[in-house]
Amino acid sequence: MLDLTNAFGELYQVKLFDGTVLNLKRPTQALQNAIIGLQKMGGSTKNIEKLMNETMSIFVRVLNRNNEGIEYTVDNIGADYDYSVALLVIGDYLKYYSQEITEKVNFQVVQ
C-alpha cells in the first residue's frame, strides 16, 4: 500500500516576523494554478496594483496551509508584510516542494 501521508508528509516551515513558526502543508492544485496565474500576470507592468494584490492573496493562502490552525487574511498581514516578502515566501515554498517531488518521484525510463 502506498501511504501518501508518509510519502509526502513533510511540512515546510516558515518563521514569521513575530516569531510564530508555521508548518505548512503541500500546495493544492488550485493554489499551484493560482501561482501560475500570478506568474503570467508578472510579465505585464500594466496592472502592477492588481499583481501586488494577487500576490498578497496567494501569500495568505500559503500561510493558511498551516497545521497550527491559525487563519490569516490580507488585512491582518498587510501591516507587517509587503509584496517582496510575499514573493520570497511563495518562491521558497514552491522550491521546497519541487525539490521534495524530485527526490521522491523517480520515473523509470521504459525501453
PDB file of N, CA and C in Angstrom:
ATOM      1  N   MET A   1       0.848  -1.178   0.000  1.00  0.00           N
ATOM      2  CA  MET A   1       0.000   0.000   0.000  1.00  0.00           C
ATOM      3  C   MET A   1       0.899   1.248   0.000  1.00  0.00           C
ATOM      4  N   LEU A   2       0.556   2.175  -0.834  1.00  0.00           N
ATOM      5  CA  LEU A   2       1.240   3.457  -0.871  1.00  0.00           C
ATOM      6  C   LEU A   2       0.544   4.394   0.113  1.00  0.00           C
ATOM      7  N   ASP A   3       1.257   4.790   1.156  1.00  0.00           N
ATOM      8  CA  ASP A   3       0.719   5.700   2.166  1.00  0.00           C
ATOM      9  C   ASP A   3       1.193   7.107   1.842  1.00  0.00           C
ATOM     10  N   LEU A   4       0.302   7.906   1.280  1.00  0.00           N
ATOM     11  CA  LEU A   4       0.668   9.258   0.874  1.00  0.00           C
ATOM     12  C   LEU A   4       1.046  10.146   2.054  1.00  0.00           C
ATOM     13  N   THR A   5       0.542   9.828   3.247  1.00  0.00           N
ATOM     14  CA  THR A   5       0.916  10.638   4.408  1.00  0.00           C
ATOM     15  C   THR A   5       2.386  10.434   4.759  1.00  0.00           C
ATOM     16  N   ASN A   6       2.915   9.252   4.474  1.00  0.00           N
ATOM     17  CA  ASN A   6       4.340   9.010   4.702  1.00  0.00           C
ATOM     18  C   ASN A   6       5.170   9.466   3.513  1.00  0.00           C
ATOM     19  N   ALA A   7       4.667   9.231   2.323  1.00  0.00           N
ATOM     20  CA  ALA A   7       5.430   9.568   1.118  1.00  0.00           C
ATOM     21  C   ALA A   7       5.579  11.077   0.937  1.00  0.00           C
ATOM     22  N   PHE A   8       4.566  11.817   1.290  1.00  0.00           N
ATOM     23  CA  PHE A   8       4.595  13.267   1.096  1.00  0.00           C
ATOM     24  C   PHE A   8       4.138  14.008   2.352  1.00  0.00           C
ATOM     25  N   GLY A   9       4.582  13.558   3.495  1.00  0.00           N
ATOM     26  CA  GLY A   9       4.132  14.135   4.754  1.00  0.00           C
ATOM     27  C   GLY A   9       4.992  15.250   5.305  1.00  0.00           C
ATOM     28  N   GLU A  10       6.100  15.559   4.647  1.00  0.00           N
ATOM     29  CA  GLU A  10       6.983  16.611   5.161  1.00  0.00           C
ATOM     30  C   GLU A  10       6.304  17.971   5.053  1.00  0.00           C
ATOM     31  N   LEU A  11       6.568  18.799   6.035  1.00  0.00           N
ATOM     32  CA  LEU A  11       5.965  20.126   6.071  1.00  0.00           C
ATOM     33  C   LEU A  11       7.034  21.197   5.891  1.00  0.00           C
ATOM     34  N   TYR A  12       6.664  22.246   5.210  1.00  0.00           N
ATOM     35  CA  TYR A  12       7.532  23.409   5.025  1.00  0.00           C
ATOM     36  C   TYR A  12       7.380  24.298   6.256  1.00  0.00           C
ATOM     37  N   GLN A  13       8.482  24.766   6.797  1.00  0.00           N
ATOM     38  CA  GLN A  13       8.419  25.645   7.957  1.00  0.00           C
ATOM     39  C   GLN A  13       8.827  27.064   7.577  1.00  0.00           C
ATOM     40  N   VAL A  14       8.098  28.015   8.143  1.00  0.00           N
ATOM     41  CA  VAL A  14       8.423  29.422   7.966  1.00  0.00           C
ATOM     42  C   VAL A  14       8.261  30.109   9.326  1.00  0.00           C
ATOM     43  N   LYS A  15       9.223  30.952   9.653  1.00  0.00           N
ATOM     44  CA  LYS A  15       9.160  31.729  10.896  1.00  0.00           C
ATOM     45  C   LYS A  15       8.799  33.156  10.532  1.00  0.00           C
ATOM     46  N   LEU A  16       7.696  33.618  11.069  1.00  0.00           N
ATOM     47  CA  LEU A  16       7.191  34.948  10.764  1.00  0.00           C
ATOM     48  C   LEU A  16       7.901  36.011  11.603  1.00  0.00           C
ATOM     49  N   PHE A  17       7.692  37.258  11.261  1.00  0.00           N
ATOM     50  CA  PHE A  17       8.346  38.365  11.952  1.00  0.00           C
ATOM     51  C   PHE A  17       8.050  38.383  13.452  1.00  0.00           C
ATOM     52  N   ASP A  18       6.857  37.918  13.848  1.00  0.00           N
ATOM     53  CA  ASP A  18       6.510  37.927  15.275  1.00  0.00           C
ATOM     54  C   ASP A  18       7.040  36.708  16.026  1.00  0.00           C
ATOM     55  N   GLY A  19       7.786  35.842  15.323  1.00  0.00           N
ATOM     56  CA  GLY A  19       8.363  34.657  15.946  1.00  0.00           C
ATOM     57  C   GLY A  19       7.525  33.399  15.794  1.00  0.00           C
ATOM     58  N   THR A  20       6.320  33.521  15.287  1.00  0.00           N
ATOM     59  CA  THR A  20       5.459  32.361  15.074  1.00  0.00           C
ATOM     60  C   THR A  20       6.071  31.458  14.010  1.00  0.00           C
ATOM     61  N   VAL A  21       6.165  30.161  14.318  1.00  0.00           N
ATOM     62  CA  VAL A  21       6.646  29.186  13.348  1.00  0.00           C
ATOM     63  C   VAL A  21       5.436  28.425  12.821  1.00  0.00           C
ATOM     64  N   LEU A  22       5.276  28.451  11.513  1.00  0.00           N
ATOM     65  CA  LEU A  22       4.180  27.739  10.862  1.00  0.00           C
ATOM     66  C   LEU A  22       4.716  26.522  10.140  1.00  0.00           C
ATOM     67  N   ASN A  23       3.990  25.426  10.223  1.00  0.00           N
ATOM     68  CA  ASN A  23       4.279  24.208   9.473  1.00  0.00           C
ATOM     69  C   ASN A  23       3.239  24.117   8.369  1.00  0.00           C
ATOM     70  N   LEU A  24       3.688  24.305   7.131  1.00  0.00           N
ATOM     71  CA  LEU A  24       2.761  24.412   6.004  1.00  0.00           C
ATOM     72  C   LEU A  24       2.683  23.123   5.204  1.00  0.00           C
ATOM     73  N   LYS A  25       1.448  22.712   4.930  1.00  0.00           N
ATOM     74  CA  LYS A  25       1.202  21.528   4.103  1.00  0.00           C
ATOM     75  C   LYS A  25       1.486  21.839   2.641  1.00  0.00           C
ATOM     76  N   ARG A  26       1.588  20.786   1.874  1.00  0.00           N
ATOM     77  CA  ARG A  26       1.831  20.880   0.435  1.00  0.00           C
ATOM     78  C   ARG A  26       0.819  21.804  -0.235  1.00  0.00           C
ATOM     79  N   PRO A  27       1.223  22.469  -1.298  1.00  0.00           N
ATOM     80  CA  PRO A  27       0.255  23.296  -2.038  1.00  0.00           C
ATOM     81  C   PRO A  27      -0.771  22.411  -2.746  1.00  0.00           C
ATOM     82  N   THR A  28      -1.980  22.883  -2.778  1.00  0.00           N
ATOM     83  CA  THR A  28      -3.026  22.174  -3.516  1.00  0.00           C
ATOM     84  C   THR A  28      -2.882  22.490  -5.006  1.00  0.00           C
ATOM     85  N   GLN A  29      -3.577  21.747  -5.821  1.00  0.00           N
ATOM     86  CA  GLN A  29      -3.569  22.017  -7.258  1.00  0.00           C
ATOM     87  C   GLN A  29      -4.131  23.405  -7.542  1.00  0.00           C
ATOM     88  N   ALA A  30      -5.178  23.771  -6.815  1.00  0.00           N
ATOM     89  CA  ALA A  30      -5.786  25.096  -7.006  1.00  0.00           C
ATOM     90  C   ALA A  30      -4.800  26.204  -6.645  1.00  0.00           C
ATOM     91  N   LEU A  31      -4.034  26.020  -5.582  1.00  0.00           N
ATOM     92  CA  LEU A  31      -3.040  27.009  -5.195  1.00  0.00           C
ATOM     93  C   LEU A  31      -1.932  27.099  -6.233  1.00  0.00           C
ATOM     94  N   GLN A  32      -1.497  25.975  -6.733  1.00  0.00           N
ATOM     95  CA  GLN A  32      -0.476  25.976  -7.785  1.00  0.00           C
ATOM     96  C   GLN A  32      -0.978  26.686  -9.034  1.00  0.00           C
ATOM     97  N   ASN A  33      -2.232  26.450  -9.395  1.00  0.00           N
ATOM     98  CA  ASN A  33      -2.813  27.137 -10.554  1.00  0.00           C
ATOM     99  C   ASN A  33      -2.870  28.647 -10.338  1.00  0.00           C
ATOM    100  N   ALA A  34      -3.188  29.068  -9.113  1.00  0.00           N
ATOM    101  CA  ALA A  34      -3.226  30.497  -8.809  1.00  0.00           C
ATOM    102  C   ALA A  34      -1.830  31.108  -8.938  1.00  0.00           C
ATOM    103  N   ILE A  35      -0.824  30.375  -8.513  1.00  0.00           N
ATOM    104  CA  ILE A  35       0.556  30.860  -8.611  1.00  0.00           C
ATOM    105  C   ILE A  35       0.987  30.953 -10.069  1.00  0.00           C
ATOM    106  N   ILE A  36       0.584  29.990 -10.869  1.00  0.00           N
ATOM    107  CA  ILE A  36       0.885  30.046 -12.305  1.00  0.00           C
ATOM    108  C   ILE A  36       0.223  31.276 -12.917  1.00  0.00           C
ATOM    109  N   GLY A  37      -1.007  31.559 -12.510  1.00  0.00           N
ATOM    110  CA  GLY A  37      -1.699  32.763 -12.988  1.00  0.00           C
ATOM    111  C   GLY A  37      -0.954  34.027 -12.587  1.00  0.00           C
ATOM    112  N   LEU A  38      -0.396  34.012 -11.388  1.00  0.00           N
ATOM    113  CA  LEU A  38       0.400  35.146 -10.910  1.00  0.00           C
ATOM    114  C   LEU A  38       1.647  35.323 -11.763  1.00  0.00           C
ATOM    115  N   GLN A  39       2.287  34.223 -12.110  1.00  0.00           N
ATOM    116  CA  GLN A  39       3.484  34.281 -12.947  1.00  0.00           C
ATOM    117  C   GLN A  39       3.146  34.854 -14.322  1.00  0.00           C
ATOM    118  N   LYS A  40       2.000  34.485 -14.866  1.00  0.00           N
ATOM    119  CA  LYS A  40       1.585  35.010 -16.169  1.00  0.00           C
ATOM    120  C   LYS A  40       1.320  36.510 -16.091  1.00  0.00           C
ATOM    121  N   MET A  41       0.743  36.942 -14.969  1.00  0.00           N
ATOM    122  CA  MET A  41       0.478  38.367 -14.778  1.00  0.00           C
ATOM    123  C   MET A  41       1.768  39.160 -14.628  1.00  0.00           C
ATOM    124  N   GLY A  42       2.803  38.529 -14.102  1.00  0.00           N
ATOM    125  CA  GLY A  42       4.062  39.199 -13.822  1.00  0.00           C
ATOM    126  C   GLY A  42       4.747  39.774 -15.037  1.00  0.00           C
ATOM    127  N   GLY A  43       4.435  39.282 -16.207  1.00  0.00           N
ATOM    128  CA  GLY A  43       5.049  39.799 -17.424  1.00  0.00           C
ATOM    129  C   GLY A  43       4.524  41.142 -17.851  1.00  0.00           C
ATOM    130  N   SER A  44       3.424  41.570 -17.259  1.00  0.00           N
ATOM    131  CA  SER A  44       2.801  42.838 -17.647  1.00  0.00           C
ATOM    132  C   SER A  44       2.988  43.880 -16.550  1.00  0.00           C
ATOM    133  N   THR A  45       3.392  45.055 -16.954  1.00  0.00           N
ATOM    134  CA  THR A  45       3.545  46.147 -15.984  1.00  0.00           C
ATOM    135  C   THR A  45       2.311  47.044 -15.963  1.00  0.00           C
ATOM    136  N   LYS A  46       1.293  46.676 -16.735  1.00  0.00           N
ATOM    137  CA  LYS A  46       0.085  47.492 -16.807  1.00  0.00           C
ATOM    138  C   LYS A  46      -0.694  47.477 -15.495  1.00  0.00           C
ATOM    139  N   ASN A  47      -0.795  46.318 -14.889  1.00  0.00           N
ATOM    140  CA  ASN A  47      -1.619  46.171 -13.692  1.00  0.00           C
ATOM    141  C   ASN A  47      -0.776  45.835 -12.475  1.00  0.00           C
ATOM    142  N   ILE A  48       0.166  46.680 -12.133  1.00  0.00           N
ATOM    143  CA  ILE A  48       1.070  46.392 -11.021  1.00  0.00           C
ATOM    144  C   ILE A  48       0.300  46.292  -9.705  1.00  0.00           C
ATOM    145  N   GLU A  49      -0.711  47.127  -9.537  1.00  0.00           N
ATOM    146  CA  GLU A  49      -1.511  47.076  -8.304  1.00  0.00           C
ATOM    147  C   GLU A  49      -2.261  45.753  -8.209  1.00  0.00           C
ATOM    148  N   LYS A  50      -2.827  45.316  -9.318  1.00  0.00           N
ATOM    149  CA  LYS A  50      -3.536  44.029  -9.335  1.00  0.00           C
ATOM    150  C   LYS A  50      -2.562  42.887  -9.041  1.00  0.00           C
ATOM    151  N   LEU A  51      -1.380  42.953  -9.611  1.00  0.00           N
ATOM    152  CA  LEU A  51      -0.351  41.939  -9.380  1.00  0.00           C
ATOM    153  C   LEU A  51       0.042  41.895  -7.905  1.00  0.00           C
ATOM    154  N   MET A  52       0.230  43.043  -7.300  1.00  0.00           N
ATOM    155  CA  MET A  52       0.601  43.097  -5.881  1.00  0.00           C
ATOM    156  C   MET A  52      -0.523  42.567  -4.995  1.00  0.00           C
ATOM    157  N   ASN A  53      -1.752  42.923  -5.310  1.00  0.00           N
ATOM    158  CA  ASN A  53      -2.896  42.435  -4.530  1.00  0.00           C
ATOM    159  C   ASN A  53      -3.046  40.923  -4.654  1.00  0.00           C
ATOM    160  N   GLU A  54      -2.881  40.404  -5.861  1.00  0.00           N
ATOM    161  CA  GLU A  54      -2.990  38.957  -6.075  1.00  0.00           C
ATOM    162  C   GLU A  54      -1.858  38.223  -5.361  1.00  0.00           C
ATOM    163  N   THR A  55      -0.662  38.804  -5.359  1.00  0.00           N
ATOM    164  CA  THR A  55       0.471  38.206  -4.647  1.00  0.00           C
ATOM    165  C   THR A  55       0.161  38.101  -3.159  1.00  0.00           C
ATOM    166  N   MET A  56      -0.374  39.138  -2.580  1.00  0.00           N
ATOM    167  CA  MET A  56      -0.709  39.104  -1.151  1.00  0.00           C
ATOM    168  C   MET A  56      -1.818  38.098  -0.870  1.00  0.00           C
ATOM    169  N   SER A  57      -2.763  37.974  -1.776  1.00  0.00           N
ATOM    170  CA  SER A  57      -3.832  36.991  -1.619  1.00  0.00           C
ATOM    171  C   SER A  57      -3.266  35.567  -1.629  1.00  0.00           C
ATOM    172  N   ILE A  58      -2.355  35.304  -2.534  1.00  0.00           N
ATOM    173  CA  ILE A  58      -1.732  33.972  -2.608  1.00  0.00           C
ATOM    174  C   ILE A  58      -0.846  33.738  -1.382  1.00  0.00           C
ATOM    175  N   PHE A  59      -0.145  34.761  -0.923  1.00  0.00           N
ATOM    176  CA  PHE A  59       0.654  34.661   0.290  1.00  0.00           C
ATOM    177  C   PHE A  59      -0.216  34.217   1.462  1.00  0.00           C
ATOM    178  N   VAL A  60      -1.385  34.805   1.598  1.00  0.00           N
ATOM    179  CA  VAL A  60      -2.321  34.430   2.659  1.00  0.00           C
ATOM    180  C   VAL A  60      -2.757  32.968   2.486  1.00  0.00           C
ATOM    181  N   ARG A  61      -3.019  32.555   1.261  1.00  0.00           N
ATOM    182  CA  ARG A  61      -3.412  31.161   1.014  1.00  0.00           C
ATOM    183  C   ARG A  61      -2.299  30.199   1.408  1.00  0.00           C
ATOM    184  N   VAL A  62      -1.055  30.583   1.125  1.00  0.00           N
ATOM    185  CA  VAL A  62       0.087  29.750   1.518  1.00  0.00           C
ATOM    186  C   VAL A  62       0.148  29.667   3.041  1.00  0.00           C
ATOM    187  N   LEU A  63       0.078  30.813   3.720  1.00  0.00           N
ATOM    188  CA  LEU A  63       0.134  30.811   5.181  1.00  0.00           C
ATOM    189  C   LEU A  63      -1.007  30.005   5.792  1.00  0.00           C
ATOM    190  N   ASN A  64      -2.161  30.029   5.162  1.00  0.00           N
ATOM    191  CA  ASN A  64      -3.324  29.304   5.683  1.00  0.00           C
ATOM    192  C   ASN A  64      -3.243  27.788   5.466  1.00  0.00           C
ATOM    193  N   ARG A  65      -2.187  27.328   4.832  1.00  0.00           N
ATOM    194  CA  ARG A  65      -1.955  25.872   4.712  1.00  0.00           C
ATOM    195  C   ARG A  65      -1.310  25.343   5.998  1.00  0.00           C
ATOM    196  N   ASN A  66      -1.274  26.147   7.056  1.00  0.00           N
ATOM    197  CA  ASN A  66      -0.582  25.775   8.290  1.00  0.00           C
ATOM    198  C   ASN A  66      -1.344  24.732   9.096  1.00  0.00           C
ATOM    199  N   ASN A  67      -0.571  23.935   9.829  1.00  0.00           N
ATOM    200  CA  ASN A  67      -1.124  22.898  10.704  1.00  0.00           C
ATOM    201  C   ASN A  67      -1.517  23.439  12.075  1.00  0.00           C
ATOM    202  N   GLU A  68      -1.171  24.675  12.342  1.00  0.00           N
ATOM    203  CA  GLU A  68      -1.425  25.247  13.660  1.00  0.00           C
ATOM    204  C   GLU A  68      -2.854  25.755  13.820  1.00  0.00           C
ATOM    205  N   GLY A  69      -3.599  25.822  12.741  1.00  0.00           N
ATOM    206  CA  GLY A  69      -4.977  26.285  12.805  1.00  0.00           C
ATOM    207  C   GLY A  69      -5.121  27.799  12.864  1.00  0.00           C
ATOM    208  N   ILE A  70      -4.059  28.523  12.533  1.00  0.00           N
ATOM    209  CA  ILE A  70      -4.099  29.986  12.530  1.00  0.00           C
ATOM    210  C   ILE A  70      -4.618  30.438  11.173  1.00  0.00           C
ATOM    211  N   GLU A  71      -5.597  31.333  11.201  1.00  0.00           N
ATOM    212  CA  GLU A  71      -6.158  31.825   9.947  1.00  0.00           C
ATOM    213  C   GLU A  71      -5.713  33.261   9.709  1.00  0.00           C
ATOM    214  N   TYR A  72      -5.180  33.494   8.523  1.00  0.00           N
ATOM    215  CA  TYR A  72      -4.684  34.812   8.147  1.00  0.00           C
ATOM    216  C   TYR A  72      -5.589  35.409   7.076  1.00  0.00           C
ATOM    217  N   THR A  73      -5.615  36.739   7.032  1.00  0.00           N
ATOM    218  CA  THR A  73      -6.316  37.463   5.979  1.00  0.00           C
ATOM    219  C   THR A  73      -5.356  38.514   5.421  1.00  0.00           C
ATOM    220  N   VAL A  74      -5.663  39.007   4.257  1.00  0.00           N
ATOM    221  CA  VAL A  74      -4.842  40.065   3.665  1.00  0.00           C
ATOM    222  C   VAL A  74      -4.819  41.279   4.592  1.00  0.00           C
ATOM    223  N   ASP A  75      -5.934  41.567   5.225  1.00  0.00           N
ATOM    224  CA  ASP A  75      -6.000  42.730   6.111  1.00  0.00           C
ATOM    225  C   ASP A  75      -5.093  42.584   7.327  1.00  0.00           C
ATOM    226  N   ASN A  76      -5.044  41.385   7.933  1.00  0.00           N
ATOM    227  CA  ASN A  76      -4.258  41.282   9.165  1.00  0.00           C
ATOM    228  C   ASN A  76      -2.772  41.020   8.938  1.00  0.00           C
ATOM    229  N   ILE A  77      -2.346  40.784   7.703  1.00  0.00           N
ATOM    230  CA  ILE A  77      -0.905  40.662   7.454  1.00  0.00           C
ATOM    231  C   ILE A  77      -0.340  41.896   6.753  1.00  0.00           C
ATOM    232  N   GLY A  78      -1.222  42.715   6.216  1.00  0.00           N
ATOM    233  CA  GLY A  78      -0.795  43.870   5.425  1.00  0.00           C
ATOM    234  C   GLY A  78       0.053  44.881   6.170  1.00  0.00           C
ATOM    235  N   ALA A  79      -0.104  44.967   7.482  1.00  0.00           N
ATOM    236  CA  ALA A  79       0.675  45.931   8.257  1.00  0.00           C
ATOM    237  C   ALA A  79       2.122  45.491   8.444  1.00  0.00           C
ATOM    238  N   ASP A  80       2.364  44.179   8.390  1.00  0.00           N
ATOM    239  CA  ASP A  80       3.706  43.659   8.674  1.00  0.00           C
ATOM    240  C   ASP A  80       4.441  43.101   7.457  1.00  0.00           C
ATOM    241  N   TYR A  81       3.710  42.745   6.420  1.00  0.00           N
ATOM    242  CA  TYR A  81       4.326  42.078   5.270  1.00  0.00           C
ATOM    243  C   TYR A  81       4.007  42.827   3.995  1.00  0.00           C
ATOM    244  N   ASP A  82       4.979  42.858   3.097  1.00  0.00           N
ATOM    245  CA  ASP A  82       4.768  43.523   1.829  1.00  0.00           C
ATOM    246  C   ASP A  82       4.955  42.536   0.678  1.00  0.00           C
ATOM    247  N   TYR A  83       4.793  43.073  -0.484  1.00  0.00           N
ATOM    248  CA  TYR A  83       4.867  42.321  -1.733  1.00  0.00           C
ATOM    249  C   TYR A  83       6.165  41.520  -1.863  1.00  0.00           C
ATOM    250  N   SER A  84       7.295  42.122  -1.515  1.00  0.00           N
ATOM    251  CA  SER A  84       8.586  41.439  -1.681  1.00  0.00           C
ATOM    252  C   SER A  84       8.727  40.259  -0.725  1.00  0.00           C
ATOM    253  N   VAL A  85       8.244  40.404   0.504  1.00  0.00           N
ATOM    254  CA  VAL A  85       8.284  39.286   1.459  1.00  0.00           C
ATOM    255  C   VAL A  85       7.365  38.173   0.969  1.00  0.00           C
ATOM    256  N   ALA A  86       6.202  38.550   0.500  1.00  0.00           N
ATOM    257  CA  ALA A  86       5.249  37.554  -0.009  1.00  0.00           C
ATOM    258  C   ALA A  86       5.865  36.755  -1.152  1.00  0.00           C
ATOM    259  N   LEU A  87       6.510  37.444  -2.089  1.00  0.00           N
ATOM    260  CA  LEU A  87       7.146  36.741  -3.209  1.00  0.00           C
ATOM    261  C   LEU A  87       8.253  35.810  -2.736  1.00  0.00           C
ATOM    262  N   LEU A  88       9.037  36.255  -1.766  1.00  0.00           N
ATOM    263  CA  LEU A  88      10.115  35.434  -1.225  1.00  0.00           C
ATOM    264  C   LEU A  88       9.570  34.146  -0.605  1.00  0.00           C
ATOM    265  N   VAL A  89       8.533  34.257   0.200  1.00  0.00           N
ATOM    266  CA  VAL A  89       7.945  33.084   0.856  1.00  0.00           C
ATOM    267  C   VAL A  89       7.311  32.158  -0.170  1.00  0.00           C
ATOM    268  N   ILE A  90       6.538  32.699  -1.086  1.00  0.00           N
ATOM    269  CA  ILE A  90       5.882  31.873  -2.110  1.00  0.00           C
ATOM    270  C   ILE A  90       6.928  31.112  -2.921  1.00  0.00           C
ATOM    271  N   GLY A  91       7.972  31.800  -3.349  1.00  0.00           N
ATOM    272  CA  GLY A  91       9.021  31.161  -4.150  1.00  0.00           C
ATOM    273  C   GLY A  91       9.740  30.064  -3.394  1.00  0.00           C
ATOM    274  N   ASP A  92      10.087  30.314  -2.140  1.00  0.00           N
ATOM    275  CA  ASP A  92      10.806  29.313  -1.356  1.00  0.00           C
ATOM    276  C   ASP A  92       9.915  28.118  -1.038  1.00  0.00           C
ATOM    277  N   TYR A  93       8.656  28.367  -0.772  1.00  0.00           N
ATOM    278  CA  TYR A  93       7.655  27.318  -0.505  1.00  0.00           C
ATOM    279  C   TYR A  93       7.540  26.384  -1.708  1.00  0.00           C
ATOM    280  N   LEU A  94       7.411  26.959  -2.896  1.00  0.00           N
ATOM    281  CA  LEU A  94       7.321  26.138  -4.110  1.00  0.00           C
ATOM    282  C   LEU A  94       8.616  25.381  -4.381  1.00  0.00           C
ATOM    283  N   LYS A  95       9.742  26.030  -4.158  1.00  0.00           N
ATOM    284  CA  LYS A  95      11.038  25.390  -4.353  1.00  0.00           C
ATOM    285  C   LYS A  95      11.197  24.190  -3.428  1.00  0.00           C
ATOM    286  N   TYR A  96      10.780  24.342  -2.182  1.00  0.00           N
ATOM    287  CA  TYR A  96      10.875  23.262  -1.195  1.00  0.00           C
ATOM    288  C   TYR A  96      10.104  22.028  -1.674  1.00  0.00           C
ATOM    289  N   TYR A  97       8.871  22.222  -2.077  1.00  0.00           N
ATOM    290  CA  TYR A  97       8.061  21.082  -2.500  1.00  0.00           C
ATOM    291  C   TYR A  97       8.482  20.547  -3.861  1.00  0.00           C
ATOM    292  N   SER A  98       8.998  21.376  -4.721  1.00  0.00           N
ATOM    293  CA  SER A  98       9.530  20.912  -6.000  1.00  0.00           C
ATOM    294  C   SER A  98      10.720  19.982  -5.775  1.00  0.00           C
ATOM    295  N   GLN A  99      11.601  20.361  -4.859  1.00  0.00           N
ATOM    296  CA  GLN A  99      12.755  19.514  -4.544  1.00  0.00           C
ATOM    297  C   GLN A  99      12.320  18.202  -3.921  1.00  0.00           C
ATOM    298  N   GLU A 100      11.298  18.252  -3.078  1.00  0.00           N
ATOM    299  CA  GLU A 100      10.791  17.038  -2.446  1.00  0.00           C
ATOM    300  C   GLU A 100      10.268  16.064  -3.501  1.00  0.00           C
ATOM    301  N   ILE A 101       9.524  16.576  -4.458  1.00  0.00           N
ATOM    302  CA  ILE A 101       8.986  15.717  -5.519  1.00  0.00           C
ATOM    303  C   ILE A 101      10.114  15.129  -6.340  1.00  0.00           C
ATOM    304  N   THR A 102      11.096  15.945  -6.683  1.00  0.00           N
ATOM    305  CA  THR A 102      12.239  15.474  -7.468  1.00  0.00           C
ATOM    306  C   THR A 102      12.964  14.340  -6.756  1.00  0.00           C
ATOM    307  N   GLU A 103      13.113  14.448  -5.440  1.00  0.00           N
ATOM    308  CA  GLU A 103      13.811  13.424  -4.662  1.00  0.00           C
ATOM    309  C   GLU A 103      13.006  12.142  -4.519  1.00  0.00           C
ATOM    310  N   LYS A 104      11.682  12.252  -4.447  1.00  0.00           N
ATOM    311  CA  LYS A 104      10.853  11.082  -4.139  1.00  0.00           C
ATOM    312  C   LYS A 104      10.254  10.395  -5.356  1.00  0.00           C
ATOM    313  N   VAL A 105      10.079  11.118  -6.426  1.00  0.00           N
ATOM    314  CA  VAL A 105       9.443  10.537  -7.609  1.00  0.00           C
ATOM    315  C   VAL A 105      10.533  10.256  -8.641  1.00  0.00           C
ATOM    316  N   ASN A 106      10.727   8.992  -8.927  1.00  0.00           N
ATOM    317  CA  ASN A 106      11.747   8.581  -9.854  1.00  0.00           C
ATOM    318  C   ASN A 106      11.088   7.806 -10.997  1.00  0.00           C
ATOM    319  N   PHE A 107      10.839   8.476 -12.085  1.00  0.00           N
ATOM    320  CA  PHE A 107      10.230   7.820 -13.224  1.00  0.00           C
ATOM    321  C   PHE A 107      11.300   7.022 -13.969  1.00  0.00           C
ATOM    322  N   GLN A 108      11.070   5.753 -14.083  1.00  0.00           N
ATOM    323  CA  GLN A 108      11.993   4.878 -14.797  1.00  0.00           C
ATOM    324  C   GLN A 108      11.732   4.984 -16.295  1.00  0.00           C
ATOM    325  N   VAL A 109      12.794   5.057 -17.049  1.00  0.00           N
ATOM    326  CA  VAL A 109      12.656   5.114 -18.496  1.00  0.00           C
ATOM    327  C   VAL A 109      12.364   3.693 -18.995  1.00  0.00           C
ATOM    328  N   VAL A 110      11.290   3.558 -19.751  1.00  0.00           N
ATOM    329  CA  VAL A 110      10.903   2.269 -20.295  1.00  0.00           C
ATOM    330  C   VAL A 110      11.416   2.174 -21.712  1.00  0.00           C
ATOM    331  N   GLN A 111      12.102   1.068 -22.017  1.00  0.00           N
ATOM    332  CA  GLN A 111      12.629   0.909 -23.369  1.00  0.00           C
ATOM    333  C   GLN A 111      11.977  -0.253 -24.061  1.00  0.00           C
TER     334      GLN A 111
END
